[in-house]
Amino acid sequence: MKTLFCILSLISGTFCWAQKEFQPKGSTILQTVDGDLDGDQIPEKVMVYNTNADDESGEIREIQILKKVNGRWTILEKSTNAILDSESGGIMGDPYSGTSIEKGILIISHFGGSSWKWQYTDKYRHQNGRFELIGHTSSSGRPGDYIKNVDFNLSTGQINFTNEVDNTKEYGPSQKETFIKKGIKINLQNRNDKSIKIILPKTKAEIFI
Protein backbone atom coordinates (compact mmCIF):
# COMPACT_ATOMS: atom_id res chain seq x y z
CA MET A 1 0.00 0.00 0.00
CA LYS A 2 2.84 2.36 0.87
CA THR A 3 4.53 1.59 -2.48
CA LEU A 4 1.31 2.28 -4.39
CA PHE A 5 0.88 5.56 -2.56
CA CYS A 6 4.40 6.60 -3.50
CA ILE A 7 3.83 5.76 -7.16
CA LEU A 8 0.57 7.72 -7.27
CA SER A 9 2.22 10.66 -5.53
CA LEU A 10 5.06 10.61 -8.07
CA ILE A 11 2.62 10.56 -11.01
CA SER A 12 0.59 13.38 -9.47
CA GLY A 13 3.71 15.40 -8.74
CA THR A 14 5.00 14.96 -12.29
CA PHE A 15 1.76 16.22 -13.78
CA CYS A 16 1.50 19.15 -11.36
CA TRP A 17 4.96 20.22 -12.50
CA ALA A 18 3.93 19.91 -16.16
CA GLN A 19 0.66 21.75 -15.57
CA LYS A 20 2.49 24.66 -13.95
CA GLU A 21 5.03 24.68 -16.78
CA PHE A 22 2.39 25.06 -19.49
CA GLN A 23 -0.27 27.05 -17.59
CA PRO A 24 -0.71 30.59 -18.98
CA LYS A 25 0.64 33.18 -16.54
CA GLY A 26 -2.02 34.50 -14.20
CA SER A 27 -4.64 31.99 -15.37
CA THR A 28 -6.88 29.69 -13.34
CA ILE A 29 -8.01 26.17 -14.18
CA LEU A 30 -11.60 25.96 -15.44
CA GLN A 31 -11.74 22.22 -16.19
CA THR A 32 -9.56 19.11 -16.51
CA VAL A 33 -10.52 16.06 -18.61
CA ASP A 34 -8.64 12.79 -19.24
CA GLY A 35 -9.06 10.46 -22.23
CA ASP A 36 -7.38 8.87 -25.24
CA LEU A 37 -7.64 11.27 -28.17
CA ASP A 38 -5.06 9.96 -30.65
CA GLY A 39 -5.84 6.24 -30.56
CA ASP A 40 -2.65 5.02 -28.85
CA GLN A 41 -4.52 3.75 -25.77
CA ILE A 42 -2.68 6.28 -23.57
CA PRO A 43 -4.89 9.00 -22.07
CA GLU A 44 -4.21 12.60 -22.94
CA LYS A 45 -5.03 15.38 -20.48
CA VAL A 46 -7.20 18.30 -21.58
CA MET A 47 -6.81 21.53 -19.63
CA VAL A 48 -9.19 24.48 -19.95
CA TYR A 49 -8.01 27.79 -18.48
CA ASN A 50 -9.44 31.18 -17.68
CA THR A 51 -6.57 33.39 -18.82
CA ASN A 52 -5.83 36.83 -17.42
CA ALA A 53 -6.43 38.37 -20.84
CA ASP A 54 -9.71 40.16 -21.59
CA ASP A 55 -11.40 41.47 -24.72
CA GLU A 56 -14.83 42.97 -25.41
CA SER A 57 -16.47 39.61 -24.68
CA GLY A 58 -14.85 38.98 -21.32
CA GLU A 59 -12.05 36.71 -20.20
CA ILE A 60 -10.33 34.66 -22.92
CA ARG A 61 -10.24 30.88 -22.51
CA GLU A 62 -7.39 28.61 -23.55
CA ILE A 63 -7.66 24.87 -24.14
CA GLN A 64 -4.55 22.67 -24.05
CA ILE A 65 -4.24 19.01 -24.96
CA LEU A 66 -1.27 17.49 -23.14
CA LYS A 67 0.37 14.23 -24.22
CA LYS A 68 2.96 12.18 -22.39
CA VAL A 69 5.98 11.39 -24.60
CA ASN A 70 8.95 9.45 -23.22
CA GLY A 71 7.79 10.08 -19.69
CA ARG A 72 7.37 13.85 -20.12
CA TRP A 73 4.25 15.88 -20.72
CA THR A 74 4.18 17.96 -23.90
CA ILE A 75 1.55 20.13 -25.60
CA LEU A 76 -0.10 18.23 -28.43
CA GLU A 77 -2.19 21.27 -29.33
CA LYS A 78 -3.53 24.44 -27.75
CA SER A 79 -5.94 27.17 -28.82
CA THR A 80 -7.69 30.32 -27.59
CA ASN A 81 -10.25 30.13 -30.42
CA ALA A 82 -12.23 26.97 -29.62
CA ILE A 83 -13.93 28.14 -26.42
CA LEU A 84 -15.96 31.35 -26.23
CA ASP A 85 -15.00 34.18 -23.89
CA SER A 86 -16.54 34.39 -20.43
CA GLU A 87 -19.20 37.02 -21.28
CA SER A 88 -20.26 35.77 -24.72
CA GLY A 89 -23.47 34.18 -23.45
CA GLY A 90 -25.55 37.37 -23.36
CA ILE A 91 -27.81 37.81 -20.34
CA MET A 92 -27.10 34.22 -19.29
CA GLY A 93 -23.44 35.18 -18.83
CA ASP A 94 -20.72 32.57 -19.21
CA PRO A 95 -21.60 30.40 -22.26
CA TYR A 96 -19.19 27.56 -21.54
CA SER A 97 -21.03 24.37 -20.52
CA GLY A 98 -18.14 21.92 -20.59
CA THR A 99 -15.66 19.71 -22.39
CA SER A 100 -15.74 15.92 -22.51
CA ILE A 101 -14.12 12.99 -24.32
CA GLU A 102 -16.23 10.19 -25.79
CA LYS A 103 -14.82 7.36 -27.92
CA GLY A 104 -11.74 9.39 -28.80
CA ILE A 105 -13.72 12.50 -29.76
CA LEU A 106 -13.17 15.88 -28.09
CA ILE A 107 -16.55 17.51 -27.36
CA ILE A 108 -16.99 21.19 -26.45
CA SER A 109 -20.41 22.71 -25.65
CA HIS A 110 -21.78 26.25 -25.22
CA PHE A 111 -25.12 27.91 -24.54
CA GLY A 112 -26.50 31.41 -24.07
CA GLY A 113 -29.24 33.93 -24.77
CA SER A 114 -32.22 35.22 -22.77
CA SER A 115 -35.82 34.56 -23.81
CA TRP A 116 -34.27 33.76 -27.19
CA LYS A 117 -31.84 30.91 -26.50
CA TRP A 118 -29.02 29.20 -28.37
CA GLN A 119 -26.69 26.29 -27.79
CA TYR A 120 -24.14 24.39 -29.81
CA THR A 121 -21.77 21.45 -29.51
CA ASP A 122 -18.56 20.90 -31.47
CA LYS A 123 -16.92 17.51 -31.98
CA TYR A 124 -13.22 17.24 -32.88
CA ARG A 125 -11.14 14.27 -34.00
CA HIS A 126 -7.35 14.14 -34.04
CA GLN A 127 -6.54 13.63 -37.71
CA ASN A 128 -4.11 15.02 -40.27
CA GLY A 129 -1.83 16.02 -37.40
CA ARG A 130 -4.36 18.28 -35.63
CA PHE A 131 -7.82 18.41 -34.09
CA GLU A 132 -10.35 18.92 -36.88
CA LEU A 133 -14.04 19.69 -36.45
CA ILE A 134 -16.02 16.67 -37.65
CA GLY A 135 -19.44 17.43 -36.18
CA HIS A 136 -21.51 20.44 -35.17
CA THR A 137 -25.00 20.48 -33.67
CA SER A 138 -26.93 23.56 -32.65
CA SER A 139 -30.34 24.82 -31.68
CA SER A 140 -31.68 28.36 -31.44
CA GLY A 141 -34.97 30.11 -31.00
CA ARG A 142 -37.61 30.98 -28.45
CA PRO A 143 -39.84 28.36 -26.81
CA GLY A 144 -43.43 28.90 -27.88
CA ASP A 145 -42.35 30.54 -31.15
CA TYR A 146 -39.82 28.36 -32.99
CA ILE A 147 -36.71 26.23 -32.47
CA LYS A 148 -34.18 25.76 -35.28
CA ASN A 149 -31.97 22.66 -35.13
CA VAL A 150 -28.83 21.96 -37.15
CA ASP A 151 -26.85 18.72 -37.33
CA PHE A 152 -23.78 19.12 -39.56
CA ASN A 153 -21.46 16.18 -40.26
CA LEU A 154 -18.39 17.92 -41.66
CA SER A 155 -16.80 14.59 -42.64
CA THR A 156 -19.62 13.67 -45.05
CA GLY A 157 -20.86 17.22 -45.64
CA GLN A 158 -24.45 16.36 -44.71
CA ILE A 159 -26.53 19.06 -43.02
CA ASN A 160 -29.85 18.15 -41.41
CA PHE A 161 -31.95 21.23 -40.70
CA THR A 162 -35.33 21.56 -39.00
CA ASN A 163 -37.33 24.59 -37.93
CA GLU A 164 -40.03 23.49 -35.50
CA VAL A 165 -42.58 26.32 -35.40
CA ASP A 166 -45.25 26.71 -32.71
CA ASN A 167 -46.28 30.27 -33.54
CA THR A 168 -47.13 29.63 -37.21
CA LYS A 169 -49.16 32.83 -37.48
CA GLU A 170 -46.03 34.95 -37.05
CA TYR A 171 -43.28 32.62 -38.25
CA GLY A 172 -44.96 30.45 -40.87
CA PRO A 173 -44.97 26.65 -41.14
CA SER A 174 -42.31 24.29 -39.84
CA GLN A 175 -39.45 23.46 -42.22
CA LYS A 176 -37.11 20.58 -42.86
CA GLU A 177 -34.20 20.17 -45.26
CA THR A 178 -31.18 17.95 -45.88
CA PHE A 179 -28.30 19.42 -47.84
CA ILE A 180 -24.73 18.39 -48.71
CA LYS A 181 -21.99 20.99 -48.24
CA LYS A 182 -18.48 19.60 -48.52
CA GLY A 183 -15.08 21.22 -48.22
CA ILE A 184 -15.47 23.22 -45.00
CA LYS A 185 -12.29 22.87 -42.94
CA ILE A 186 -12.37 23.97 -39.29
CA ASN A 187 -9.99 23.08 -36.50
CA LEU A 188 -9.16 24.15 -32.94
CA GLN A 189 -6.94 26.92 -34.24
CA ASN A 190 -9.40 28.71 -36.56
CA ARG A 191 -12.73 27.73 -34.93
CA ASN A 192 -14.04 31.21 -34.12
CA ASP A 193 -11.86 33.32 -36.38
CA LYS A 194 -14.94 34.14 -38.42
CA SER A 195 -18.47 32.85 -38.84
CA ILE A 196 -19.22 30.66 -41.86
CA LYS A 197 -22.67 31.24 -43.36
CA ILE A 198 -24.46 28.58 -45.40
CA ILE A 199 -27.75 29.35 -47.17
CA LEU A 200 -29.84 26.23 -47.75
CA PRO A 201 -31.25 26.12 -51.33
CA LYS A 202 -34.77 24.90 -50.52
CA THR A 203 -35.80 26.66 -47.30
CA LYS A 204 -33.39 29.61 -47.77
CA ALA A 205 -32.49 29.18 -44.13
CA GLU A 206 -29.22 30.79 -43.05
CA ILE A 207 -26.92 28.54 -41.01
CA PHE A 208 -23.92 29.93 -39.16
CA ILE A 209 -21.09 27.60 -38.18
C-alpha atoms as a PDB file:
ATOM      1  CA  MET A   1       0.000   0.000   0.000  1.00  0.00           C
ATOM      2  CA  LYS A   2       2.843   2.357   0.872  1.00  0.00           C
ATOM      3  CA  THR A   3       4.533   1.593  -2.478  1.00  0.00           C
ATOM      4  CA  LEU A   4       1.306   2.277  -4.393  1.00  0.00           C
ATOM      5  CA  PHE A   5       0.875   5.562  -2.560  1.00  0.00           C
ATOM      6  CA  CYS A   6       4.401   6.605  -3.497  1.00  0.00           C
ATOM      7  CA  ILE A   7       3.826   5.760  -7.165  1.00  0.00           C
ATOM      8  CA  LEU A   8       0.567   7.718  -7.273  1.00  0.00           C
ATOM      9  CA  SER A   9       2.220  10.664  -5.527  1.00  0.00           C
ATOM     10  CA  LEU A  10       5.056  10.607  -8.072  1.00  0.00           C
ATOM     11  CA  ILE A  11       2.618  10.564 -11.009  1.00  0.00           C
ATOM     12  CA  SER A  12       0.587  13.376  -9.470  1.00  0.00           C
ATOM     13  CA  GLY A  13       3.708  15.401  -8.741  1.00  0.00           C
ATOM     14  CA  THR A  14       4.997  14.965 -12.288  1.00  0.00           C
ATOM     15  CA  PHE A  15       1.760  16.218 -13.781  1.00  0.00           C
ATOM     16  CA  CYS A  16       1.499  19.147 -11.362  1.00  0.00           C
ATOM     17  CA  TRP A  17       4.956  20.215 -12.498  1.00  0.00           C
ATOM     18  CA  ALA A  18       3.935  19.912 -16.162  1.00  0.00           C
ATOM     19  CA  GLN A  19       0.664  21.746 -15.568  1.00  0.00           C
ATOM     20  CA  LYS A  20       2.493  24.661 -13.952  1.00  0.00           C
ATOM     21  CA  GLU A  21       5.032  24.682 -16.785  1.00  0.00           C
ATOM     22  CA  PHE A  22       2.390  25.062 -19.491  1.00  0.00           C
ATOM     23  CA  GLN A  23      -0.275  27.047 -17.587  1.00  0.00           C
ATOM     24  CA  PRO A  24      -0.709  30.592 -18.978  1.00  0.00           C
ATOM     25  CA  LYS A  25       0.640  33.178 -16.542  1.00  0.00           C
ATOM     26  CA  GLY A  26      -2.023  34.497 -14.196  1.00  0.00           C
ATOM     27  CA  SER A  27      -4.638  31.989 -15.370  1.00  0.00           C
ATOM     28  CA  THR A  28      -6.884  29.689 -13.337  1.00  0.00           C
ATOM     29  CA  ILE A  29      -8.008  26.168 -14.182  1.00  0.00           C
ATOM     30  CA  LEU A  30     -11.596  25.964 -15.439  1.00  0.00           C
ATOM     31  CA  GLN A  31     -11.743  22.217 -16.186  1.00  0.00           C
ATOM     32  CA  THR A  32      -9.558  19.113 -16.511  1.00  0.00           C
ATOM     33  CA  VAL A  33     -10.522  16.055 -18.605  1.00  0.00           C
ATOM     34  CA  ASP A  34      -8.639  12.786 -19.240  1.00  0.00           C
ATOM     35  CA  GLY A  35      -9.064  10.464 -22.229  1.00  0.00           C
ATOM     36  CA  ASP A  36      -7.380   8.873 -25.243  1.00  0.00           C
ATOM     37  CA  LEU A  37      -7.636  11.271 -28.166  1.00  0.00           C
ATOM     38  CA  ASP A  38      -5.059   9.957 -30.652  1.00  0.00           C
ATOM     39  CA  GLY A  39      -5.837   6.245 -30.557  1.00  0.00           C
ATOM     40  CA  ASP A  40      -2.651   5.024 -28.846  1.00  0.00           C
ATOM     41  CA  GLN A  41      -4.523   3.751 -25.769  1.00  0.00           C
ATOM     42  CA  ILE A  42      -2.684   6.275 -23.571  1.00  0.00           C
ATOM     43  CA  PRO A  43      -4.890   9.002 -22.067  1.00  0.00           C
ATOM     44  CA  GLU A  44      -4.215  12.604 -22.939  1.00  0.00           C
ATOM     45  CA  LYS A  45      -5.027  15.384 -20.484  1.00  0.00           C
ATOM     46  CA  VAL A  46      -7.204  18.296 -21.578  1.00  0.00           C
ATOM     47  CA  MET A  47      -6.806  21.533 -19.629  1.00  0.00           C
ATOM     48  CA  VAL A  48      -9.185  24.483 -19.948  1.00  0.00           C
ATOM     49  CA  TYR A  49      -8.013  27.794 -18.478  1.00  0.00           C
ATOM     50  CA  ASN A  50      -9.435  31.179 -17.678  1.00  0.00           C
ATOM     51  CA  THR A  51      -6.567  33.385 -18.817  1.00  0.00           C
ATOM     52  CA  ASN A  52      -5.825  36.826 -17.415  1.00  0.00           C
ATOM     53  CA  ALA A  53      -6.431  38.374 -20.840  1.00  0.00           C
ATOM     54  CA  ASP A  54      -9.705  40.165 -21.594  1.00  0.00           C
ATOM     55  CA  ASP A  55     -11.395  41.468 -24.716  1.00  0.00           C
ATOM     56  CA  GLU A  56     -14.826  42.974 -25.412  1.00  0.00           C
ATOM     57  CA  SER A  57     -16.473  39.612 -24.685  1.00  0.00           C
ATOM     58  CA  GLY A  58     -14.847  38.985 -21.322  1.00  0.00           C
ATOM     59  CA  GLU A  59     -12.049  36.707 -20.202  1.00  0.00           C
ATOM     60  CA  ILE A  60     -10.329  34.665 -22.920  1.00  0.00           C
ATOM     61  CA  ARG A  61     -10.238  30.880 -22.509  1.00  0.00           C
ATOM     62  CA  GLU A  62      -7.392  28.607 -23.553  1.00  0.00           C
ATOM     63  CA  ILE A  63      -7.657  24.867 -24.141  1.00  0.00           C
ATOM     64  CA  GLN A  64      -4.546  22.673 -24.047  1.00  0.00           C
ATOM     65  CA  ILE A  65      -4.245  19.011 -24.963  1.00  0.00           C
ATOM     66  CA  LEU A  66      -1.272  17.492 -23.143  1.00  0.00           C
ATOM     67  CA  LYS A  67       0.366  14.226 -24.224  1.00  0.00           C
ATOM     68  CA  LYS A  68       2.956  12.181 -22.394  1.00  0.00           C
ATOM     69  CA  VAL A  69       5.977  11.392 -24.599  1.00  0.00           C
ATOM     70  CA  ASN A  70       8.954   9.450 -23.224  1.00  0.00           C
ATOM     71  CA  GLY A  71       7.793  10.083 -19.686  1.00  0.00           C
ATOM     72  CA  ARG A  72       7.369  13.846 -20.117  1.00  0.00           C
ATOM     73  CA  TRP A  73       4.245  15.881 -20.724  1.00  0.00           C
ATOM     74  CA  THR A  74       4.177  17.964 -23.896  1.00  0.00           C
ATOM     75  CA  ILE A  75       1.552  20.129 -25.597  1.00  0.00           C
ATOM     76  CA  LEU A  76      -0.095  18.228 -28.432  1.00  0.00           C
ATOM     77  CA  GLU A  77      -2.193  21.272 -29.335  1.00  0.00           C
ATOM     78  CA  LYS A  78      -3.531  24.438 -27.749  1.00  0.00           C
ATOM     79  CA  SER A  79      -5.941  27.173 -28.821  1.00  0.00           C
ATOM     80  CA  THR A  80      -7.685  30.319 -27.594  1.00  0.00           C
ATOM     81  CA  ASN A  81     -10.250  30.126 -30.422  1.00  0.00           C
ATOM     82  CA  ALA A  82     -12.227  26.965 -29.623  1.00  0.00           C
ATOM     83  CA  ILE A  83     -13.932  28.144 -26.418  1.00  0.00           C
ATOM     84  CA  LEU A  84     -15.961  31.349 -26.228  1.00  0.00           C
ATOM     85  CA  ASP A  85     -14.997  34.175 -23.894  1.00  0.00           C
ATOM     86  CA  SER A  86     -16.544  34.395 -20.432  1.00  0.00           C
ATOM     87  CA  GLU A  87     -19.200  37.024 -21.281  1.00  0.00           C
ATOM     88  CA  SER A  88     -20.259  35.773 -24.718  1.00  0.00           C
ATOM     89  CA  GLY A  89     -23.474  34.179 -23.446  1.00  0.00           C
ATOM     90  CA  GLY A  90     -25.550  37.374 -23.357  1.00  0.00           C
ATOM     91  CA  ILE A  91     -27.807  37.812 -20.340  1.00  0.00           C
ATOM     92  CA  MET A  92     -27.105  34.219 -19.292  1.00  0.00           C
ATOM     93  CA  GLY A  93     -23.445  35.177 -18.829  1.00  0.00           C
ATOM     94  CA  ASP A  94     -20.720  32.567 -19.208  1.00  0.00           C
ATOM     95  CA  PRO A  95     -21.603  30.404 -22.257  1.00  0.00           C
ATOM     96  CA  TYR A  96     -19.186  27.556 -21.542  1.00  0.00           C
ATOM     97  CA  SER A  97     -21.027  24.374 -20.525  1.00  0.00           C
ATOM     98  CA  GLY A  98     -18.142  21.918 -20.587  1.00  0.00           C
ATOM     99  CA  THR A  99     -15.657  19.709 -22.391  1.00  0.00           C
ATOM    100  CA  SER A 100     -15.741  15.916 -22.507  1.00  0.00           C
ATOM    101  CA  ILE A 101     -14.119  12.986 -24.324  1.00  0.00           C
ATOM    102  CA  GLU A 102     -16.228  10.191 -25.793  1.00  0.00           C
ATOM    103  CA  LYS A 103     -14.819   7.359 -27.917  1.00  0.00           C
ATOM    104  CA  GLY A 104     -11.739   9.389 -28.800  1.00  0.00           C
ATOM    105  CA  ILE A 105     -13.725  12.497 -29.759  1.00  0.00           C
ATOM    106  CA  LEU A 106     -13.170  15.876 -28.086  1.00  0.00           C
ATOM    107  CA  ILE A 107     -16.549  17.513 -27.365  1.00  0.00           C
ATOM    108  CA  ILE A 108     -16.995  21.193 -26.447  1.00  0.00           C
ATOM    109  CA  SER A 109     -20.407  22.707 -25.649  1.00  0.00           C
ATOM    110  CA  HIS A 110     -21.777  26.253 -25.223  1.00  0.00           C
ATOM    111  CA  PHE A 111     -25.124  27.908 -24.538  1.00  0.00           C
ATOM    112  CA  GLY A 112     -26.502  31.415 -24.074  1.00  0.00           C
ATOM    113  CA  GLY A 113     -29.239  33.930 -24.770  1.00  0.00           C
ATOM    114  CA  SER A 114     -32.222  35.221 -22.774  1.00  0.00           C
ATOM    115  CA  SER A 115     -35.821  34.561 -23.809  1.00  0.00           C
ATOM    116  CA  TRP A 116     -34.266  33.758 -27.191  1.00  0.00           C
ATOM    117  CA  LYS A 117     -31.838  30.914 -26.504  1.00  0.00           C
ATOM    118  CA  TRP A 118     -29.020  29.204 -28.372  1.00  0.00           C
ATOM    119  CA  GLN A 119     -26.687  26.294 -27.786  1.00  0.00           C
ATOM    120  CA  TYR A 120     -24.135  24.388 -29.813  1.00  0.00           C
ATOM    121  CA  THR A 121     -21.771  21.447 -29.508  1.00  0.00           C
ATOM    122  CA  ASP A 122     -18.561  20.899 -31.475  1.00  0.00           C
ATOM    123  CA  LYS A 123     -16.916  17.506 -31.982  1.00  0.00           C
ATOM    124  CA  TYR A 124     -13.224  17.239 -32.879  1.00  0.00           C
ATOM    125  CA  ARG A 125     -11.142  14.272 -34.004  1.00  0.00           C
ATOM    126  CA  HIS A 126      -7.354  14.142 -34.037  1.00  0.00           C
ATOM    127  CA  GLN A 127      -6.538  13.629 -37.713  1.00  0.00           C
ATOM    128  CA  ASN A 128      -4.107  15.017 -40.266  1.00  0.00           C
ATOM    129  CA  GLY A 129      -1.831  16.025 -37.402  1.00  0.00           C
ATOM    130  CA  ARG A 130      -4.364  18.278 -35.631  1.00  0.00           C
ATOM    131  CA  PHE A 131      -7.819  18.407 -34.094  1.00  0.00           C
ATOM    132  CA  GLU A 132     -10.350  18.924 -36.884  1.00  0.00           C
ATOM    133  CA  LEU A 133     -14.043  19.690 -36.449  1.00  0.00           C
ATOM    134  CA  ILE A 134     -16.018  16.665 -37.646  1.00  0.00           C
ATOM    135  CA  GLY A 135     -19.444  17.426 -36.176  1.00  0.00           C
ATOM    136  CA  HIS A 136     -21.508  20.439 -35.167  1.00  0.00           C
ATOM    137  CA  THR A 137     -24.999  20.479 -33.670  1.00  0.00           C
ATOM    138  CA  SER A 138     -26.927  23.562 -32.649  1.00  0.00           C
ATOM    139  CA  SER A 139     -30.336  24.822 -31.678  1.00  0.00           C
ATOM    140  CA  SER A 140     -31.677  28.359 -31.439  1.00  0.00           C
ATOM    141  CA  GLY A 141     -34.972  30.112 -30.998  1.00  0.00           C
ATOM    142  CA  ARG A 142     -37.613  30.981 -28.448  1.00  0.00           C
ATOM    143  CA  PRO A 143     -39.841  28.355 -26.813  1.00  0.00           C
ATOM    144  CA  GLY A 144     -43.432  28.898 -27.881  1.00  0.00           C
ATOM    145  CA  ASP A 145     -42.354  30.537 -31.147  1.00  0.00           C
ATOM    146  CA  TYR A 146     -39.819  28.362 -32.988  1.00  0.00           C
ATOM    147  CA  ILE A 147     -36.711  26.231 -32.470  1.00  0.00           C
ATOM    148  CA  LYS A 148     -34.176  25.765 -35.278  1.00  0.00           C
ATOM    149  CA  ASN A 149     -31.971  22.656 -35.132  1.00  0.00           C
ATOM    150  CA  VAL A 150     -28.832  21.959 -37.150  1.00  0.00           C
ATOM    151  CA  ASP A 151     -26.846  18.725 -37.333  1.00  0.00           C
ATOM    152  CA  PHE A 152     -23.782  19.120 -39.565  1.00  0.00           C
ATOM    153  CA  ASN A 153     -21.462  16.182 -40.256  1.00  0.00           C
ATOM    154  CA  LEU A 154     -18.389  17.916 -41.665  1.00  0.00           C
ATOM    155  CA  SER A 155     -16.803  14.590 -42.640  1.00  0.00           C
ATOM    156  CA  THR A 156     -19.622  13.675 -45.049  1.00  0.00           C
ATOM    157  CA  GLY A 157     -20.857  17.225 -45.641  1.00  0.00           C
ATOM    158  CA  GLN A 158     -24.450  16.364 -44.712  1.00  0.00           C
ATOM    159  CA  ILE A 159     -26.530  19.060 -43.023  1.00  0.00           C
ATOM    160  CA  ASN A 160     -29.847  18.146 -41.405  1.00  0.00           C
ATOM    161  CA  PHE A 161     -31.945  21.233 -40.698  1.00  0.00           C
ATOM    162  CA  THR A 162     -35.328  21.560 -39.001  1.00  0.00           C
ATOM    163  CA  ASN A 163     -37.334  24.590 -37.927  1.00  0.00           C
ATOM    164  CA  GLU A 164     -40.029  23.490 -35.497  1.00  0.00           C
ATOM    165  CA  VAL A 165     -42.577  26.315 -35.404  1.00  0.00           C
ATOM    166  CA  ASP A 166     -45.248  26.708 -32.714  1.00  0.00           C
ATOM    167  CA  ASN A 167     -46.275  30.270 -33.542  1.00  0.00           C
ATOM    168  CA  THR A 168     -47.127  29.635 -37.207  1.00  0.00           C
ATOM    169  CA  LYS A 169     -49.163  32.835 -37.476  1.00  0.00           C
ATOM    170  CA  GLU A 170     -46.032  34.947 -37.046  1.00  0.00           C
ATOM    171  CA  TYR A 171     -43.281  32.618 -38.254  1.00  0.00           C
ATOM    172  CA  GLY A 172     -44.958  30.445 -40.870  1.00  0.00           C
ATOM    173  CA  PRO A 173     -44.968  26.647 -41.140  1.00  0.00           C
ATOM    174  CA  SER A 174     -42.310  24.286 -39.837  1.00  0.00           C
ATOM    175  CA  GLN A 175     -39.452  23.460 -42.220  1.00  0.00           C
ATOM    176  CA  LYS A 176     -37.113  20.575 -42.857  1.00  0.00           C
ATOM    177  CA  GLU A 177     -34.204  20.165 -45.264  1.00  0.00           C
ATOM    178  CA  THR A 178     -31.185  17.952 -45.880  1.00  0.00           C
ATOM    179  CA  PHE A 179     -28.299  19.415 -47.845  1.00  0.00           C
ATOM    180  CA  ILE A 180     -24.726  18.387 -48.705  1.00  0.00           C
ATOM    181  CA  LYS A 181     -21.994  20.994 -48.237  1.00  0.00           C
ATOM    182  CA  LYS A 182     -18.478  19.595 -48.518  1.00  0.00           C
ATOM    183  CA  GLY A 183     -15.083  21.216 -48.217  1.00  0.00           C
ATOM    184  CA  ILE A 184     -15.465  23.220 -45.001  1.00  0.00           C
ATOM    185  CA  LYS A 185     -12.291  22.873 -42.936  1.00  0.00           C
ATOM    186  CA  ILE A 186     -12.371  23.973 -39.294  1.00  0.00           C
ATOM    187  CA  ASN A 187      -9.989  23.081 -36.500  1.00  0.00           C
ATOM    188  CA  LEU A 188      -9.159  24.146 -32.943  1.00  0.00           C
ATOM    189  CA  GLN A 189      -6.941  26.920 -34.241  1.00  0.00           C
ATOM    190  CA  ASN A 190      -9.398  28.709 -36.560  1.00  0.00           C
ATOM    191  CA  ARG A 191     -12.733  27.731 -34.933  1.00  0.00           C
ATOM    192  CA  ASN A 192     -14.043  31.205 -34.116  1.00  0.00           C
ATOM    193  CA  ASP A 193     -11.857  33.316 -36.382  1.00  0.00           C
ATOM    194  CA  LYS A 194     -14.945  34.141 -38.420  1.00  0.00           C
ATOM    195  CA  SER A 195     -18.475  32.851 -38.836  1.00  0.00           C
ATOM    196  CA  ILE A 196     -19.219  30.659 -41.858  1.00  0.00           C
ATOM    197  CA  LYS A 197     -22.671  31.240 -43.357  1.00  0.00           C
ATOM    198  CA  ILE A 198     -24.465  28.580 -45.397  1.00  0.00           C
ATOM    199  CA  ILE A 199     -27.754  29.348 -47.172  1.00  0.00           C
ATOM    200  CA  LEU A 200     -29.845  26.233 -47.752  1.00  0.00           C
ATOM    201  CA  PRO A 201     -31.246  26.117 -51.331  1.00  0.00           C
ATOM    202  CA  LYS A 202     -34.768  24.898 -50.522  1.00  0.00           C
ATOM    203  CA  THR A 203     -35.798  26.662 -47.305  1.00  0.00           C
ATOM    204  CA  LYS A 204     -33.390  29.612 -47.766  1.00  0.00           C
ATOM    205  CA  ALA A 205     -32.488  29.181 -44.127  1.00  0.00           C
ATOM    206  CA  GLU A 206     -29.217  30.786 -43.046  1.00  0.00           C
ATOM    207  CA  ILE A 207     -26.924  28.542 -41.011  1.00  0.00           C
ATOM    208  CA  PHE A 208     -23.924  29.929 -39.164  1.00  0.00           C
ATOM    209  CA  ILE A 209     -21.090  27.596 -38.181  1.00  0.00           C
END
